[in-house]
Structures are given as C-alpha cells and as structure tokens.
Amino acid sequence: AWHLLTSEPITSKEEALKIVSYYERRWLIEDFHKVWKSEGTEVEQLRMQSKDNLERLSVVLAFIATRLLQLRFMNESDELSKSSCEQVLKGKAWKLMWLKLESKKLPKEAPNISWAYNGIARLGGWKNTKRTGRASIKTLWQGWFRLQTILEGYELAKSLD
C-alpha cells in the first residue's frame, strides 16, 4: 500500500480521485521538463546576451519539446500511430523527409505518424539496433533539427529562381 500526501482538502471520494489523477499526470510534466531542459532541446544550456532573448527562445523550445512529446505519444498509441503524419508535419516537411529517406516516389497520401516518428529518428541517427522501436528524445530532437535544416535549405534553393 502507498499513501499520497496532499495539502488539498478532501471531503469525498471524487475529490480524492481528482488528486490521484493529478499525481498520475505528474509523469507527463516530468517528461516535458526532461525534454525541454536536458535531454531534448537543452534549454538549460542556453547562454544569451539578454533576458528577453532567453525568454523568447525558451518559449520556442518549449513548443518544440511539446511537439516531440506529442510525436512520441502518438507513435506509442496503436490508434493514433496509424493516422496521417500531417497532424504533426506540414506537407512540405514530410515530403522532403520522404525524398531524403526513401528510395521510392512520393506517395499520393501522407504516410502515418509511425513513419514520421521513425523518419525523424532516422534523421537524428537512430538505427533501432536494440530493436525497441523507440528512439531517445535526444535523437528525436537531433532529427527534428535536421529536418528544419532541410526545410530551410529547400526554401533557400527556391529563392534562387
């Protein structure tokens, strides 16, 4: 048996279950902080000239950390992993990633979330050598960053015309 201590007033079973549900969500918050601060975007390593710049970049990286967690969560859900990758990647992004990673023509429809997860992980250097099917957040971050570099290169090349 375990005991959950709280400073919240509890007068009913429903209130107790609400506190337990908050505790259960704690792990998602812990994961977010791990992705945002140390294992993913490494916001703690930032050194900026001004407080304003640090705040702005921290917010941008928080959104990216959320996106990486969303991608991992969707990939781990049997139902969500089969839905279109356009839920997490814009058309240009998944198409450029397809052209980079696959040796086939672009499909008519967007591939699924699972493909996007594996593709971003592969861009980050993941080879699934342990056969777990799960890339580290650091690898996903590196893959996400590389995909953004590919997108930027595409936009720059388009501007040459």
N, C-alpha and C. Protein backbone atom coordinates (compact mmCIF):
# COMPACT_ATOMS: atom_id res chain seq x y z
N ALA A 1 0.84 -1.19 0.00
CA ALA A 1 0.00 0.00 0.00
C ALA A 1 0.88 1.24 0.00
N TRP A 2 0.38 2.30 -0.58
CA TRP A 2 1.10 3.56 -0.57
C TRP A 2 0.15 4.67 -0.16
N HIS A 3 0.75 5.75 0.31
CA HIS A 3 -0.02 6.90 0.79
C HIS A 3 0.38 8.12 -0.02
N LEU A 4 -0.61 8.82 -0.52
CA LEU A 4 -0.38 10.05 -1.26
C LEU A 4 -0.73 11.21 -0.35
N LEU A 5 0.27 12.03 -0.04
CA LEU A 5 0.04 13.18 0.83
C LEU A 5 -0.32 14.40 -0.01
N THR A 6 -1.27 15.17 0.47
CA THR A 6 -1.67 16.38 -0.23
C THR A 6 -2.09 17.45 0.77
N SER A 7 -1.93 18.68 0.35
CA SER A 7 -2.39 19.80 1.18
C SER A 7 -3.80 20.23 0.77
N GLU A 8 -4.34 19.59 -0.25
CA GLU A 8 -5.69 19.91 -0.72
C GLU A 8 -6.73 19.30 0.21
N PRO A 9 -7.80 20.03 0.48
CA PRO A 9 -8.87 19.47 1.31
C PRO A 9 -9.62 18.38 0.53
N ILE A 10 -9.82 17.25 1.16
CA ILE A 10 -10.54 16.14 0.52
C ILE A 10 -11.69 15.74 1.43
N THR A 11 -12.89 15.87 0.88
CA THR A 11 -14.08 15.52 1.67
C THR A 11 -14.92 14.45 1.00
N SER A 12 -14.49 14.00 -0.19
CA SER A 12 -15.27 12.96 -0.88
C SER A 12 -14.35 12.07 -1.69
N LYS A 13 -14.90 10.96 -2.12
CA LYS A 13 -14.15 10.02 -2.95
C LYS A 13 -13.76 10.69 -4.28
N GLU A 14 -14.67 11.49 -4.86
CA GLU A 14 -14.40 12.17 -6.13
C GLU A 14 -13.21 13.12 -6.00
N GLU A 15 -13.15 13.86 -4.89
CA GLU A 15 -12.02 14.77 -4.68
C GLU A 15 -10.72 13.99 -4.53
N ALA A 16 -10.78 12.85 -3.86
CA ALA A 16 -9.59 12.01 -3.69
C ALA A 16 -9.12 11.49 -5.05
N LEU A 17 -10.06 11.04 -5.88
CA LEU A 17 -9.70 10.54 -7.21
C LEU A 17 -9.13 11.66 -8.09
N LYS A 18 -9.63 12.87 -7.91
CA LYS A 18 -9.11 14.01 -8.66
C LYS A 18 -7.64 14.26 -8.30
N ILE A 19 -7.31 14.19 -7.02
CA ILE A 19 -5.92 14.39 -6.58
C ILE A 19 -5.04 13.27 -7.13
N VAL A 20 -5.54 12.04 -7.12
CA VAL A 20 -4.77 10.92 -7.67
C VAL A 20 -4.53 11.14 -9.17
N SER A 21 -5.54 11.64 -9.89
CA SER A 21 -5.36 11.88 -11.33
C SER A 21 -4.31 12.97 -11.56
N TYR A 22 -4.26 13.97 -10.70
CA TYR A 22 -3.20 14.99 -10.81
C TYR A 22 -1.83 14.35 -10.62
N TYR A 23 -1.74 13.46 -9.65
CA TYR A 23 -0.47 12.78 -9.38
C TYR A 23 -0.05 11.94 -10.59
N GLU A 24 -1.02 11.26 -11.20
CA GLU A 24 -0.71 10.44 -12.36
C GLU A 24 -0.18 11.28 -13.52
N ARG A 25 -0.66 12.50 -13.66
CA ARG A 25 -0.20 13.39 -14.74
C ARG A 25 1.18 13.96 -14.46
N ARG A 26 1.63 13.83 -13.25
CA ARG A 26 2.94 14.35 -12.87
C ARG A 26 4.04 13.81 -13.79
N TRP A 27 3.91 12.55 -14.20
CA TRP A 27 4.95 11.94 -15.03
C TRP A 27 5.02 12.59 -16.40
N LEU A 28 3.90 13.02 -16.93
CA LEU A 28 3.92 13.73 -18.20
C LEU A 28 4.64 15.07 -18.05
N ILE A 29 4.40 15.73 -16.94
CA ILE A 29 5.08 17.01 -16.67
C ILE A 29 6.58 16.77 -16.49
N GLU A 30 6.93 15.70 -15.78
CA GLU A 30 8.35 15.36 -15.61
C GLU A 30 9.00 15.10 -16.97
N ASP A 31 8.30 14.36 -17.84
CA ASP A 31 8.82 14.09 -19.18
C ASP A 31 9.03 15.38 -19.96
N PHE A 32 8.05 16.28 -19.87
CA PHE A 32 8.18 17.56 -20.58
C PHE A 32 9.44 18.29 -20.12
N HIS A 33 9.63 18.38 -18.80
CA HIS A 33 10.80 19.10 -18.30
C HIS A 33 12.11 18.43 -18.71
N LYS A 34 12.11 17.10 -18.76
CA LYS A 34 13.30 16.39 -19.20
C LYS A 34 13.60 16.71 -20.67
N VAL A 35 12.55 16.70 -21.50
CA VAL A 35 12.73 17.00 -22.93
C VAL A 35 13.16 18.45 -23.12
N TRP A 36 12.52 19.35 -22.40
CA TRP A 36 12.77 20.78 -22.57
C TRP A 36 14.12 21.20 -22.00
N LYS A 37 14.45 20.68 -20.82
CA LYS A 37 15.62 21.19 -20.11
C LYS A 37 16.92 20.45 -20.44
N SER A 38 16.89 19.13 -20.48
CA SER A 38 18.17 18.42 -20.52
C SER A 38 18.34 17.46 -21.68
N GLU A 39 17.36 16.63 -21.98
CA GLU A 39 17.58 15.57 -22.97
C GLU A 39 17.19 15.92 -24.39
N GLY A 40 16.42 16.94 -24.56
CA GLY A 40 15.97 17.29 -25.90
C GLY A 40 16.53 18.62 -26.33
N THR A 41 15.76 19.66 -26.12
CA THR A 41 16.14 20.98 -26.60
C THR A 41 17.25 21.63 -25.78
N GLU A 42 17.53 21.09 -24.61
CA GLU A 42 18.62 21.55 -23.73
C GLU A 42 18.56 23.04 -23.44
N VAL A 43 17.38 23.51 -23.07
CA VAL A 43 17.18 24.93 -22.80
C VAL A 43 18.09 25.42 -21.67
N GLU A 44 18.47 24.53 -20.76
CA GLU A 44 19.34 24.93 -19.65
C GLU A 44 20.74 25.32 -20.11
N GLN A 45 21.12 24.87 -21.29
CA GLN A 45 22.46 25.17 -21.80
C GLN A 45 22.54 26.52 -22.52
N LEU A 46 21.39 27.17 -22.71
CA LEU A 46 21.38 28.43 -23.45
C LEU A 46 22.15 29.52 -22.72
N ARG A 47 22.90 30.27 -23.48
CA ARG A 47 23.60 31.44 -22.96
C ARG A 47 23.29 32.58 -23.92
N MET A 48 22.49 33.51 -23.50
CA MET A 48 22.06 34.60 -24.37
C MET A 48 22.58 35.93 -23.83
N GLN A 49 22.61 36.92 -24.71
CA GLN A 49 23.08 38.25 -24.33
C GLN A 49 22.05 39.00 -23.48
N SER A 50 20.78 38.71 -23.70
CA SER A 50 19.76 39.45 -22.95
C SER A 50 18.70 38.50 -22.39
N LYS A 51 18.07 38.94 -21.33
CA LYS A 51 17.00 38.17 -20.70
C LYS A 51 15.83 37.98 -21.67
N ASP A 52 15.50 39.03 -22.43
CA ASP A 52 14.39 38.93 -23.39
C ASP A 52 14.64 37.86 -24.44
N ASN A 53 15.85 37.82 -24.97
CA ASN A 53 16.18 36.80 -25.96
C ASN A 53 16.10 35.40 -25.35
N LEU A 54 16.56 35.25 -24.13
CA LEU A 54 16.50 33.97 -23.45
C LEU A 54 15.05 33.54 -23.26
N GLU A 55 14.20 34.46 -22.85
CA GLU A 55 12.78 34.14 -22.66
C GLU A 55 12.12 33.73 -23.97
N ARG A 56 12.39 34.48 -25.04
CA ARG A 56 11.78 34.16 -26.33
C ARG A 56 12.21 32.78 -26.83
N LEU A 57 13.50 32.51 -26.77
CA LEU A 57 13.99 31.22 -27.24
C LEU A 57 13.49 30.08 -26.35
N SER A 58 13.39 30.32 -25.06
CA SER A 58 12.87 29.30 -24.14
C SER A 58 11.44 28.92 -24.50
N VAL A 59 10.64 29.91 -24.85
CA VAL A 59 9.25 29.64 -25.24
C VAL A 59 9.19 28.83 -26.54
N VAL A 60 10.00 29.21 -27.52
CA VAL A 60 10.03 28.48 -28.79
C VAL A 60 10.44 27.02 -28.53
N LEU A 61 11.47 26.83 -27.71
CA LEU A 61 11.93 25.47 -27.42
C LEU A 61 10.91 24.68 -26.61
N ALA A 62 10.10 25.35 -25.81
CA ALA A 62 9.03 24.67 -25.07
C ALA A 62 8.00 24.11 -26.05
N PHE A 63 7.68 24.87 -27.09
CA PHE A 63 6.75 24.37 -28.10
C PHE A 63 7.33 23.17 -28.84
N ILE A 64 8.61 23.22 -29.15
CA ILE A 64 9.25 22.10 -29.84
C ILE A 64 9.28 20.87 -28.92
N ALA A 65 9.59 21.06 -27.65
CA ALA A 65 9.58 19.95 -26.69
C ALA A 65 8.19 19.32 -26.63
N THR A 66 7.17 20.15 -26.63
CA THR A 66 5.79 19.65 -26.61
C THR A 66 5.51 18.85 -27.88
N ARG A 67 5.97 19.35 -29.01
CA ARG A 67 5.77 18.65 -30.28
C ARG A 67 6.46 17.29 -30.29
N LEU A 68 7.67 17.22 -29.74
CA LEU A 68 8.40 15.95 -29.68
C LEU A 68 7.68 14.95 -28.78
N LEU A 69 7.19 15.42 -27.64
CA LEU A 69 6.43 14.54 -26.75
C LEU A 69 5.14 14.07 -27.42
N GLN A 70 4.48 14.97 -28.14
CA GLN A 70 3.26 14.63 -28.86
C GLN A 70 3.56 13.54 -29.89
N LEU A 71 4.64 13.70 -30.62
CA LEU A 71 5.02 12.72 -31.63
C LEU A 71 5.28 11.36 -30.99
N ARG A 72 6.01 11.35 -29.88
CA ARG A 72 6.29 10.08 -29.19
C ARG A 72 5.00 9.45 -28.67
N PHE A 73 4.14 10.25 -28.05
CA PHE A 73 2.87 9.75 -27.53
C PHE A 73 2.01 9.16 -28.65
N MET A 74 1.90 9.88 -29.75
CA MET A 74 1.08 9.41 -30.87
C MET A 74 1.65 8.13 -31.47
N ASN A 75 2.96 8.03 -31.54
CA ASN A 75 3.59 6.82 -32.07
C ASN A 75 3.33 5.61 -31.18
N GLU A 76 3.25 5.83 -29.88
CA GLU A 76 3.05 4.72 -28.94
C GLU A 76 1.58 4.30 -28.83
N SER A 77 0.68 5.07 -29.39
CA SER A 77 -0.74 4.74 -29.37
C SER A 77 -1.08 3.97 -30.64
N ASP A 78 -1.60 2.75 -30.49
CA ASP A 78 -1.93 1.94 -31.67
C ASP A 78 -2.86 2.67 -32.63
N GLU A 79 -3.85 3.33 -32.08
CA GLU A 79 -4.83 4.02 -32.91
C GLU A 79 -4.23 5.26 -33.57
N LEU A 80 -3.55 6.09 -32.79
CA LEU A 80 -3.02 7.35 -33.32
C LEU A 80 -1.84 7.15 -34.26
N SER A 81 -1.06 6.10 -34.05
CA SER A 81 0.13 5.89 -34.88
C SER A 81 -0.23 5.63 -36.34
N LYS A 82 -1.48 5.23 -36.58
CA LYS A 82 -1.92 4.93 -37.95
C LYS A 82 -2.51 6.15 -38.65
N SER A 83 -2.70 7.25 -37.92
CA SER A 83 -3.29 8.43 -38.55
C SER A 83 -2.23 9.19 -39.35
N SER A 84 -2.67 10.12 -40.15
CA SER A 84 -1.79 10.85 -41.07
C SER A 84 -0.71 11.64 -40.34
N CYS A 85 0.49 11.60 -40.90
CA CYS A 85 1.60 12.35 -40.31
C CYS A 85 1.41 13.85 -40.47
N GLU A 86 0.43 14.25 -41.27
CA GLU A 86 0.18 15.68 -41.44
C GLU A 86 -0.39 16.32 -40.17
N GLN A 87 -0.70 15.50 -39.17
CA GLN A 87 -1.10 16.04 -37.87
C GLN A 87 0.10 16.65 -37.15
N VAL A 88 1.30 16.20 -37.49
CA VAL A 88 2.50 16.73 -36.82
C VAL A 88 3.50 17.37 -37.78
N LEU A 89 3.38 17.07 -39.06
CA LEU A 89 4.30 17.63 -40.06
C LEU A 89 3.50 18.26 -41.20
N LYS A 90 3.90 19.43 -41.60
CA LYS A 90 3.25 20.06 -42.75
C LYS A 90 3.64 19.29 -44.02
N GLY A 91 2.86 19.48 -45.07
CA GLY A 91 3.08 18.75 -46.32
C GLY A 91 4.50 18.81 -46.84
N LYS A 92 5.07 20.00 -46.86
CA LYS A 92 6.43 20.16 -47.35
C LYS A 92 7.42 19.35 -46.51
N ALA A 93 7.22 19.36 -45.20
CA ALA A 93 8.17 18.70 -44.29
C ALA A 93 8.19 17.19 -44.52
N TRP A 94 7.02 16.55 -44.54
CA TRP A 94 7.03 15.10 -44.70
C TRP A 94 7.49 14.71 -46.10
N LYS A 95 7.16 15.54 -47.11
CA LYS A 95 7.57 15.21 -48.47
C LYS A 95 9.09 15.30 -48.63
N LEU A 96 9.68 16.33 -48.06
CA LEU A 96 11.14 16.45 -48.12
C LEU A 96 11.81 15.32 -47.34
N MET A 97 11.23 14.96 -46.20
CA MET A 97 11.79 13.85 -45.42
C MET A 97 11.67 12.55 -46.21
N TRP A 98 10.55 12.35 -46.89
CA TRP A 98 10.36 11.15 -47.71
C TRP A 98 11.46 11.09 -48.79
N LEU A 99 11.66 12.20 -49.49
CA LEU A 99 12.66 12.23 -50.55
C LEU A 99 14.07 11.98 -50.00
N LYS A 100 14.33 12.42 -48.79
CA LYS A 100 15.64 12.21 -48.17
C LYS A 100 15.84 10.76 -47.74
N LEU A 101 14.79 10.11 -47.23
CA LEU A 101 14.95 8.80 -46.60
C LEU A 101 14.52 7.61 -47.45
N GLU A 102 13.57 7.81 -48.32
CA GLU A 102 13.01 6.68 -49.07
C GLU A 102 13.54 6.67 -50.49
N SER A 103 13.65 5.50 -51.05
CA SER A 103 14.11 5.41 -52.44
C SER A 103 12.93 5.10 -53.37
N LYS A 104 11.78 5.67 -53.03
CA LYS A 104 10.56 5.49 -53.84
C LYS A 104 9.96 6.85 -54.12
N LYS A 105 9.07 6.88 -55.10
CA LYS A 105 8.37 8.12 -55.41
C LYS A 105 7.47 8.51 -54.24
N LEU A 106 7.14 9.80 -54.20
CA LEU A 106 6.23 10.29 -53.15
C LEU A 106 4.89 9.57 -53.24
N PRO A 107 4.34 9.17 -52.11
CA PRO A 107 3.00 8.56 -52.14
C PRO A 107 1.94 9.64 -52.38
N LYS A 108 0.77 9.20 -52.85
CA LYS A 108 -0.31 10.16 -53.09
C LYS A 108 -0.87 10.69 -51.78
N GLU A 109 -0.89 9.84 -50.77
CA GLU A 109 -1.39 10.26 -49.45
C GLU A 109 -0.23 10.28 -48.47
N ALA A 110 -0.36 11.13 -47.48
CA ALA A 110 0.68 11.24 -46.45
C ALA A 110 0.82 9.92 -45.69
N PRO A 111 2.05 9.52 -45.38
CA PRO A 111 2.23 8.32 -44.56
C PRO A 111 1.71 8.55 -43.14
N ASN A 112 1.81 7.52 -42.32
CA ASN A 112 1.25 7.63 -40.96
C ASN A 112 2.24 8.22 -39.96
N ILE A 113 1.74 8.44 -38.76
CA ILE A 113 2.54 9.01 -37.66
C ILE A 113 3.76 8.14 -37.37
N SER A 114 3.56 6.83 -37.39
CA SER A 114 4.66 5.92 -37.10
C SER A 114 5.82 6.13 -38.08
N TRP A 115 5.50 6.32 -39.35
CA TRP A 115 6.54 6.60 -40.35
C TRP A 115 7.25 7.91 -40.01
N ALA A 116 6.48 8.94 -39.65
CA ALA A 116 7.07 10.24 -39.32
C ALA A 116 8.01 10.12 -38.12
N TYR A 117 7.57 9.40 -37.10
CA TYR A 117 8.39 9.19 -35.90
C TYR A 117 9.71 8.51 -36.28
N ASN A 118 9.60 7.41 -37.01
CA ASN A 118 10.80 6.68 -37.41
C ASN A 118 11.68 7.51 -38.33
N GLY A 119 11.07 8.29 -39.23
CA GLY A 119 11.83 9.14 -40.13
C GLY A 119 12.62 10.21 -39.40
N ILE A 120 11.95 10.89 -38.48
CA ILE A 120 12.64 11.92 -37.69
C ILE A 120 13.76 11.29 -36.87
N ALA A 121 13.48 10.12 -36.30
CA ALA A 121 14.50 9.42 -35.53
C ALA A 121 15.69 9.05 -36.42
N ARG A 122 15.41 8.57 -37.62
CA ARG A 122 16.48 8.22 -38.55
C ARG A 122 17.31 9.44 -38.94
N LEU A 123 16.64 10.57 -39.13
CA LEU A 123 17.39 11.80 -39.43
C LEU A 123 18.31 12.17 -38.27
N GLY A 124 17.92 11.76 -37.05
CA GLY A 124 18.73 12.02 -35.87
C GLY A 124 19.81 10.98 -35.63
N GLY A 125 19.90 9.98 -36.53
CA GLY A 125 20.94 8.97 -36.41
C GLY A 125 20.48 7.65 -35.80
N TRP A 126 19.20 7.50 -35.55
CA TRP A 126 18.66 6.28 -34.92
C TRP A 126 18.68 5.12 -35.90
N LYS A 127 19.12 3.96 -35.43
CA LYS A 127 19.18 2.77 -36.27
C LYS A 127 18.35 1.62 -35.70
N ASN A 128 17.73 1.81 -34.55
CA ASN A 128 16.93 0.78 -33.87
C ASN A 128 17.73 -0.50 -33.65
N THR A 129 18.99 -0.36 -33.29
CA THR A 129 19.84 -1.54 -33.08
C THR A 129 19.38 -2.39 -31.90
N LYS A 130 18.73 -1.77 -30.93
CA LYS A 130 18.24 -2.52 -29.77
C LYS A 130 16.88 -3.16 -30.04
N ARG A 131 16.31 -2.88 -31.20
CA ARG A 131 15.01 -3.43 -31.60
C ARG A 131 13.88 -3.07 -30.64
N THR A 132 13.95 -1.88 -30.07
CA THR A 132 12.89 -1.44 -29.16
C THR A 132 11.81 -0.67 -29.90
N GLY A 133 12.16 -0.13 -31.06
CA GLY A 133 11.21 0.70 -31.80
C GLY A 133 11.04 2.08 -31.18
N ARG A 134 11.86 2.40 -30.20
CA ARG A 134 11.72 3.68 -29.50
C ARG A 134 13.05 4.43 -29.51
N ALA A 135 13.03 5.60 -30.14
CA ALA A 135 14.22 6.44 -30.18
C ALA A 135 14.26 7.32 -28.93
N SER A 136 15.45 7.72 -28.55
CA SER A 136 15.56 8.63 -27.41
C SER A 136 15.07 10.02 -27.81
N ILE A 137 14.71 10.80 -26.82
CA ILE A 137 14.27 12.16 -27.09
C ILE A 137 15.41 12.97 -27.71
N LYS A 138 16.62 12.73 -27.26
CA LYS A 138 17.79 13.44 -27.82
C LYS A 138 17.89 13.17 -29.33
N THR A 139 17.69 11.92 -29.71
CA THR A 139 17.73 11.54 -31.13
C THR A 139 16.60 12.20 -31.90
N LEU A 140 15.39 12.23 -31.31
CA LEU A 140 14.26 12.90 -31.96
C LEU A 140 14.55 14.39 -32.14
N TRP A 141 15.13 15.00 -31.11
CA TRP A 141 15.47 16.43 -31.21
C TRP A 141 16.47 16.65 -32.35
N GLN A 142 17.50 15.81 -32.43
CA GLN A 142 18.50 15.97 -33.48
C GLN A 142 17.87 15.77 -34.86
N GLY A 143 16.96 14.79 -34.96
CA GLY A 143 16.26 14.57 -36.22
C GLY A 143 15.35 15.73 -36.58
N TRP A 144 14.64 16.26 -35.57
CA TRP A 144 13.76 17.41 -35.80
C TRP A 144 14.58 18.61 -36.30
N PHE A 145 15.71 18.83 -35.66
CA PHE A 145 16.58 19.94 -36.03
C PHE A 145 17.10 19.76 -37.45
N ARG A 146 17.46 18.54 -37.78
CA ARG A 146 17.96 18.26 -39.14
C ARG A 146 16.85 18.47 -40.17
N LEU A 147 15.63 18.06 -39.85
CA LEU A 147 14.50 18.27 -40.76
C LEU A 147 14.28 19.77 -40.99
N GLN A 148 14.41 20.55 -39.93
CA GLN A 148 14.25 22.01 -40.09
C GLN A 148 15.36 22.58 -40.97
N THR A 149 16.55 22.03 -40.88
CA THR A 149 17.66 22.46 -41.74
C THR A 149 17.36 22.11 -43.20
N ILE A 150 16.80 20.93 -43.43
CA ILE A 150 16.42 20.53 -44.79
C ILE A 150 15.36 21.48 -45.34
N LEU A 151 14.37 21.80 -44.52
CA LEU A 151 13.31 22.74 -44.94
C LEU A 151 13.89 24.11 -45.27
N GLU A 152 14.81 24.57 -44.43
CA GLU A 152 15.44 25.87 -44.67
C GLU A 152 16.24 25.85 -45.98
N GLY A 153 16.95 24.75 -46.21
CA GLY A 153 17.71 24.61 -47.46
C GLY A 153 16.79 24.62 -48.68
N TYR A 154 15.66 23.96 -48.56
CA TYR A 154 14.67 23.94 -49.64
C TYR A 154 14.18 25.36 -49.95
N GLU A 155 13.83 26.09 -48.89
CA GLU A 155 13.34 27.47 -49.08
C GLU A 155 14.42 28.36 -49.69
N LEU A 156 15.66 28.19 -49.26
CA LEU A 156 16.76 28.98 -49.83
C LEU A 156 16.97 28.64 -51.30
N ALA A 157 16.91 27.35 -51.63
CA ALA A 157 17.09 26.94 -53.02
C ALA A 157 15.97 27.49 -53.90
N LYS A 158 14.74 27.52 -53.37
CA LYS A 158 13.62 28.08 -54.13
C LYS A 158 13.83 29.56 -54.43
N SER A 159 14.46 30.26 -53.52
CA SER A 159 14.64 31.71 -53.70
C SER A 159 15.71 32.04 -54.75
N LEU A 160 16.43 31.05 -55.23
CA LEU A 160 17.45 31.29 -56.26
C LEU A 160 16.82 31.61 -57.61
N ASP A 161 15.62 31.16 -57.83
CA ASP A 161 14.95 31.37 -59.13
C ASP A 161 14.54 32.79 -59.34
